[in-house]
N, C-alpha and C. Protein backbone atom coordinates (compact mmCIF):
# COMPACT_ATOMS: atom_id res chain seq x y z
N UNK A 1 -4.31 -4.30 -14.66
CA UNK A 1 -4.36 -3.09 -12.99
C UNK A 1 -5.47 -4.53 -12.28
N UNK A 2 -4.16 -4.36 -10.64
CA UNK A 2 -4.24 -4.92 -9.79
C UNK A 2 -5.26 -5.69 -9.24
N UNK A 3 -5.04 -6.61 -8.42
CA UNK A 3 -6.74 -6.46 -7.60
C UNK A 3 -7.02 -6.13 -6.50
N UNK A 4 -6.61 -5.47 -5.48
CA UNK A 4 -7.13 -4.38 -4.62
C UNK A 4 -7.58 -2.65 -5.35
N UNK A 5 -6.53 -2.44 -6.66
CA UNK A 5 -6.94 -0.87 -7.83
C UNK A 5 -8.09 -1.14 -8.28
N UNK A 6 -8.25 -2.62 -8.96
CA UNK A 6 -9.96 -3.29 -9.36
C UNK A 6 -10.67 -3.01 -8.83
N UNK A 7 -10.61 -3.37 -7.16
CA UNK A 7 -11.70 -3.15 -6.02
C UNK A 7 -12.07 -2.25 -5.61
N UNK A 8 -11.28 -1.61 -5.28
CA UNK A 8 -11.77 0.11 -5.19
C UNK A 8 -12.09 0.81 -6.18
N UNK A 9 -11.86 0.47 -7.44
CA UNK A 9 -12.31 1.48 -8.63
C UNK A 9 -14.06 0.91 -9.36
N UNK A 10 -13.78 -0.68 -8.83
CA UNK A 10 -15.76 -0.84 -8.72
C UNK A 10 -16.43 -0.65 -7.53
N UNK A 11 -15.88 -0.66 -5.84
CA UNK A 11 -16.65 0.47 -5.44
C UNK A 11 -16.92 1.18 -5.19
N UNK A 12 -15.41 2.38 -6.00
CA UNK A 12 -16.01 4.16 -6.65
C UNK A 12 -16.69 3.72 -7.75
N UNK A 13 -17.14 2.88 -8.18
CA UNK A 13 -17.71 3.53 -9.28
C UNK A 13 -19.87 2.67 -9.56
N UNK A 14 -20.03 1.71 -8.49
CA UNK A 14 -20.52 1.03 -8.83
C UNK A 14 -22.10 1.11 -8.39
N UNK A 15 -22.83 2.30 -8.07
CA UNK A 15 -23.97 3.52 -7.53
C UNK A 15 -23.70 3.65 -8.64
N UNK A 16 -23.23 4.83 -9.31
CA UNK A 16 -23.24 6.05 -10.49
C UNK A 16 -23.37 5.10 -11.47
N UNK A 17 -22.40 3.99 -12.20
CA UNK A 17 -22.99 3.42 -13.61
C UNK A 17 -24.07 2.75 -13.57
N UNK A 18 -25.05 1.96 -14.27
CA UNK A 18 -26.38 1.66 -14.76
C UNK A 18 -25.89 0.13 -15.26
N UNK A 19 -25.02 -0.49 -16.03
CA UNK A 19 -25.19 -1.82 -15.57
C UNK A 19 -23.80 -2.63 -15.62
N UNK A 20 -23.65 -3.48 -16.37
CA UNK A 20 -22.60 -3.79 -15.88
C UNK A 20 -21.34 -3.79 -17.03
N UNK A 21 -21.97 -2.75 -17.97
CA UNK A 21 -21.66 -2.79 -19.61
C UNK A 21 -20.98 -1.13 -19.85
N UNK A 22 -21.50 -0.68 -18.68
CA UNK A 22 -21.27 0.48 -18.76
C UNK A 22 -19.63 0.67 -17.26
N UNK A 23 -20.15 -0.07 -16.56
CA UNK A 23 -18.48 0.05 -15.31
C UNK A 23 -17.44 -0.95 -15.97
N UNK A 24 -17.92 -1.86 -16.90
CA UNK A 24 -16.74 -2.43 -18.24
C UNK A 24 -16.03 -1.49 -18.77
N UNK A 25 -16.89 -0.83 -19.29
CA UNK A 25 -16.27 0.75 -20.06
C UNK A 25 -15.28 1.55 -19.29
N UNK A 26 -16.35 1.73 -18.28
CA UNK A 26 -15.30 3.05 -17.35
C UNK A 26 -13.88 2.04 -16.97
N UNK A 27 -14.15 1.41 -16.71
CA UNK A 27 -12.67 0.68 -16.15
C UNK A 27 -11.82 -0.69 -17.53
N UNK A 28 -12.26 -0.22 -18.41
CA UNK A 28 -11.76 -1.25 -19.75
C UNK A 28 -11.11 -2.01 -19.21
N UNK A 29 -12.56 -3.31 -18.82
CA UNK A 29 -11.67 -4.20 -18.73
C UNK A 29 -13.46 -5.21 -19.20
N UNK A 30 -13.59 -7.01 -19.57
CA UNK A 30 -14.11 -7.53 -20.12
C UNK A 30 -15.27 -7.27 -19.44
N UNK A 31 -16.51 -7.00 -19.79
CA UNK A 31 -17.68 -7.63 -19.11
C UNK A 31 -17.91 -8.80 -18.21
N UNK A 32 -16.69 -9.41 -19.29
CA UNK A 32 -16.60 -11.47 -18.18
C UNK A 32 -15.93 -10.77 -16.80
N UNK A 33 -14.99 -10.05 -17.20
CA UNK A 33 -14.46 -9.99 -15.61
C UNK A 33 -15.39 -9.60 -15.15
N UNK A 34 -15.98 -8.27 -15.31
CA UNK A 34 -16.65 -7.46 -14.62
C UNK A 34 -17.67 -8.16 -13.76
N UNK A 35 -18.11 -8.87 -14.55
CA UNK A 35 -19.35 -9.91 -13.49
C UNK A 35 -18.11 -10.59 -12.92
N UNK A 36 -17.87 -11.29 -13.30
CA UNK A 36 -16.84 -12.21 -12.43
C UNK A 36 -15.98 -11.40 -11.03
N UNK A 37 -15.69 -9.99 -11.01
CA UNK A 37 -15.52 -9.50 -10.20
C UNK A 37 -16.54 -9.17 -9.19
N UNK A 38 -17.64 -8.44 -9.72
CA UNK A 38 -18.81 -8.24 -8.99
C UNK A 38 -19.64 -9.86 -7.87
N UNK A 39 -19.64 -10.80 -8.76
CA UNK A 39 -20.54 -11.76 -7.97
C UNK A 39 -19.47 -12.02 -7.24
N UNK A 40 -18.24 -11.96 -6.94
CA UNK A 40 -16.48 -12.46 -6.36
C UNK A 40 -17.59 -10.88 -4.71
N UNK A 41 -17.92 -9.69 -4.89
CA UNK A 41 -17.54 -9.19 -4.49
C UNK A 41 -19.04 -8.70 -3.60
N UNK A 42 -20.03 -9.45 -4.41
CA UNK A 42 -20.91 -9.73 -3.64
C UNK A 42 -20.70 -11.55 -3.29
N UNK A 43 -20.03 -12.03 -3.21
CA UNK A 43 -19.73 -13.54 -2.37
C UNK A 43 -19.28 -12.29 -1.07
N UNK A 44 -18.29 -11.34 -0.92
CA UNK A 44 -18.07 -11.00 0.58
C UNK A 44 -18.71 -10.20 0.49
N UNK A 45 -19.64 -9.60 0.43
CA UNK A 45 -21.14 -9.01 0.94
C UNK A 45 -20.89 -8.01 1.06
N UNK A 46 -19.92 -6.60 0.22
CA UNK A 46 -19.44 -5.30 0.03
C UNK A 46 -20.42 -5.32 -0.82
N UNK A 47 -21.14 -5.28 -1.85
CA UNK A 47 -21.91 -5.09 -2.97
C UNK A 47 -23.22 -6.25 -2.31
N UNK A 48 -24.51 -5.36 -2.89
CA UNK A 48 -25.35 -5.81 -2.49
C UNK A 48 -26.71 -6.04 -4.53
N UNK A 49 -26.79 -6.60 -5.12
CA UNK A 49 -27.74 -6.23 -6.18
C UNK A 49 -29.41 -6.58 -6.05
N UNK A 50 -29.52 -5.87 -6.56
CA UNK A 50 -31.47 -5.68 -6.51
C UNK A 50 -32.40 -5.73 -7.90
N UNK A 51 -32.90 -6.13 -8.09
CA UNK A 51 -33.48 -6.46 -9.49
C UNK A 51 -34.56 -5.83 -9.43
N UNK A 52 -35.03 -4.56 -10.46
CA UNK A 52 -36.01 -3.60 -10.79
C UNK A 52 -36.65 -4.94 -11.15
N UNK A 53 -38.13 -5.21 -10.63
CA UNK A 53 -38.96 -5.94 -10.82
C UNK A 53 -40.39 -5.28 -11.90
N UNK A 54 -39.87 -4.02 -11.50
CA UNK A 54 -40.58 -3.26 -12.73
C UNK A 54 -39.84 -2.90 -14.03
N UNK A 55 -38.76 -2.90 -14.02
CA UNK A 55 -38.33 -3.53 -15.23
C UNK A 55 -38.87 -4.16 -16.44
N UNK A 56 -38.58 -4.10 -17.77
CA UNK A 56 -38.90 -5.33 -18.21
C UNK A 56 -38.14 -6.31 -18.55
N UNK A 57 -36.29 -5.06 -18.54
CA UNK A 57 -35.66 -6.28 -18.49
C UNK A 57 -35.93 -6.68 -17.43
N UNK A 58 -36.05 -7.84 -16.99
CA UNK A 58 -35.66 -8.96 -15.11
C UNK A 58 -33.92 -8.97 -14.64
N UNK A 59 -33.81 -8.88 -15.69
CA UNK A 59 -31.95 -9.33 -15.78
C UNK A 59 -30.71 -7.90 -15.32
N UNK A 60 -31.28 -6.64 -15.70
CA UNK A 60 -31.02 -5.79 -15.14
C UNK A 60 -30.84 -5.77 -13.36
N UNK A 61 -30.02 -5.01 -12.99
CA UNK A 61 -30.24 -5.21 -11.27
C UNK A 61 -29.38 -3.42 -10.62
N UNK A 62 -29.84 -3.15 -10.01
CA UNK A 62 -28.71 -2.30 -9.10
C UNK A 62 -28.06 -2.24 -8.39
N UNK A 63 -26.70 -1.81 -8.24
CA UNK A 63 -26.12 -2.39 -7.50
C UNK A 63 -25.90 -0.81 -6.51
N UNK A 64 -25.47 -1.57 -4.91
CA UNK A 64 -25.58 -1.27 -3.54
C UNK A 64 -24.16 -1.65 -2.74
N UNK A 65 -23.87 -0.46 -2.17
CA UNK A 65 -22.41 -0.63 -1.07
C UNK A 65 -23.12 -1.31 -0.42
N UNK A 66 -23.20 -2.22 0.48
CA UNK A 66 -23.80 -2.27 2.08
C UNK A 66 -22.47 -1.36 2.74
N UNK A 67 -22.83 -1.65 4.56
CA UNK A 67 -21.47 -1.24 5.16
C UNK A 67 -20.86 -2.45 5.12
N UNK A 68 -20.45 -3.20 4.81
CA UNK A 68 -19.11 -3.53 4.56
C UNK A 68 -18.89 -3.60 3.72
N UNK A 69 -19.31 -2.90 2.11
CA UNK A 69 -18.61 -2.57 1.03
C UNK A 69 -18.44 -0.97 1.27
N UNK A 70 -18.47 0.13 1.96
CA UNK A 70 -18.54 0.87 2.48
C UNK A 70 -16.75 1.37 2.89
N UNK A 71 -16.15 0.21 4.15
CA UNK A 71 -16.39 -0.16 5.50
C UNK A 71 -13.95 -0.40 4.35
N UNK A 72 -14.83 -1.22 3.40
CA UNK A 72 -13.73 -1.46 2.47
C UNK A 72 -13.28 -0.78 1.55
N UNK A 73 -14.62 -0.70 1.14
CA UNK A 73 -13.79 1.00 0.06
C UNK A 73 -12.63 2.24 0.61
N UNK A 74 -13.26 2.46 2.39
CA UNK A 74 -12.28 3.26 3.31
C UNK A 74 -10.81 2.78 3.18
N UNK A 75 -10.86 1.54 3.19
CA UNK A 75 -9.93 0.81 3.48
C UNK A 75 -8.74 0.94 2.25
N UNK A 76 -9.46 0.61 0.93
CA UNK A 76 -8.44 0.35 0.41
C UNK A 76 -8.41 2.00 -0.13
N UNK A 77 -8.90 2.86 0.47
CA UNK A 77 -8.53 4.69 -0.58
C UNK A 77 -7.66 4.37 0.83
N UNK A 78 -7.84 4.16 1.33
CA UNK A 78 -6.32 4.07 2.98
C UNK A 78 -5.18 4.48 2.59
N UNK A 79 -5.51 2.66 1.77
CA UNK A 79 -3.92 1.59 1.47
C UNK A 79 -3.43 2.87 0.15
N UNK A 80 -4.63 2.87 -1.13
CA UNK A 80 -4.29 3.96 -2.16
C UNK A 80 -3.94 4.92 -1.72
N UNK A 81 -4.09 5.97 -1.82
CA UNK A 81 -3.18 7.23 -0.84
C UNK A 81 -1.94 7.13 0.01
N UNK A 82 -1.75 6.33 0.87
CA UNK A 82 -0.71 5.70 1.16
C UNK A 82 0.07 5.59 0.04
N UNK A 83 0.17 4.97 -1.08
CA UNK A 83 0.67 4.11 -1.78
C UNK A 83 0.86 5.13 -2.88
N UNK A 84 0.26 5.96 -2.88
CA UNK A 84 0.93 7.61 -3.62
C UNK A 84 1.40 8.72 -3.14
N UNK A 85 0.63 8.65 -2.00
CA UNK A 85 1.72 9.48 -1.02
C UNK A 85 3.44 9.35 -1.20
N UNK A 86 3.72 7.66 -0.97
CA UNK A 86 5.21 7.53 -0.71
C UNK A 86 5.55 7.08 -2.84
N UNK A 87 4.53 7.23 -3.55
CA UNK A 87 5.62 7.04 -4.70
C UNK A 87 5.77 9.51 -5.43
N UNK A 88 5.09 9.69 -4.17
CA UNK A 88 5.12 11.07 -4.87
C UNK A 88 6.42 11.60 -3.86
N UNK A 89 6.47 11.16 -2.82
CA UNK A 89 7.57 11.24 -2.10
C UNK A 89 9.40 10.45 -2.92
N UNK A 90 9.52 10.17 -3.99
CA UNK A 90 10.23 9.52 -3.69
C UNK A 90 10.62 9.34 -5.55
N UNK A 91 9.57 10.18 -6.12
CA UNK A 91 9.99 10.77 -7.06
C UNK A 91 10.83 12.25 -6.87
N UNK A 92 10.04 12.92 -6.18
CA UNK A 92 10.46 14.09 -5.14
C UNK A 92 12.36 14.19 -5.09
N UNK A 93 12.58 12.70 -4.13
CA UNK A 93 13.51 13.59 -3.91
C UNK A 93 14.69 12.05 -5.52
N UNK A 94 14.00 11.74 -6.00
CA UNK A 94 15.13 11.67 -7.47
C UNK A 94 15.45 12.58 -8.00
N UNK A 95 13.95 13.43 -8.18
CA UNK A 95 14.42 15.25 -8.77
C UNK A 95 14.85 16.14 -7.71
N UNK A 96 14.84 15.84 -6.50
CA UNK A 96 15.91 17.02 -6.22
C UNK A 96 17.42 16.46 -6.51
N UNK A 97 17.86 15.19 -6.38
CA UNK A 97 19.07 14.71 -6.74
C UNK A 97 19.27 15.23 -8.20
N UNK A 98 18.53 14.91 -8.87
CA UNK A 98 18.83 14.99 -10.24
C UNK A 98 18.97 16.58 -10.92
N UNK A 99 18.49 17.57 -9.98
CA UNK A 99 18.58 18.85 -9.78
C UNK A 99 20.30 19.45 -9.50
N UNK A 100 20.83 18.66 -8.21
CA UNK A 100 21.95 19.16 -7.62
C UNK A 100 22.77 18.63 -8.77
N UNK A 101 22.66 17.83 -9.62
CA UNK A 101 23.98 16.99 -10.38
C UNK A 101 23.86 18.36 -11.50
N UNK A 102 22.38 18.75 -11.80
CA UNK A 102 22.60 19.72 -13.03
C UNK A 102 23.52 20.79 -12.32
N UNK A 103 22.78 21.47 -11.10
CA UNK A 103 24.32 22.96 -10.38
C UNK A 103 25.56 22.33 -10.74
């Protein structure tokens, strides 16, 4: 998974999943890599980690997208859609060329 795609996937799923383990499973990456990516996104200001003080497990955090993170998610989503549209158009073009060869 490319860096931008991984960042987008983390930003898409971070608020829906309860912990790093479930995020790692969803993205099919190691927990160590998940932790590394989350720390980088926190350092960039895209994600905010809040500790559950009432929780018995003091290592459990709730991850929230910041305004900067939301803007990055929008920008990465637009780039992803543009890339997929270009791929789609290329596939349609190839398919039409193949159909022309068959007729």
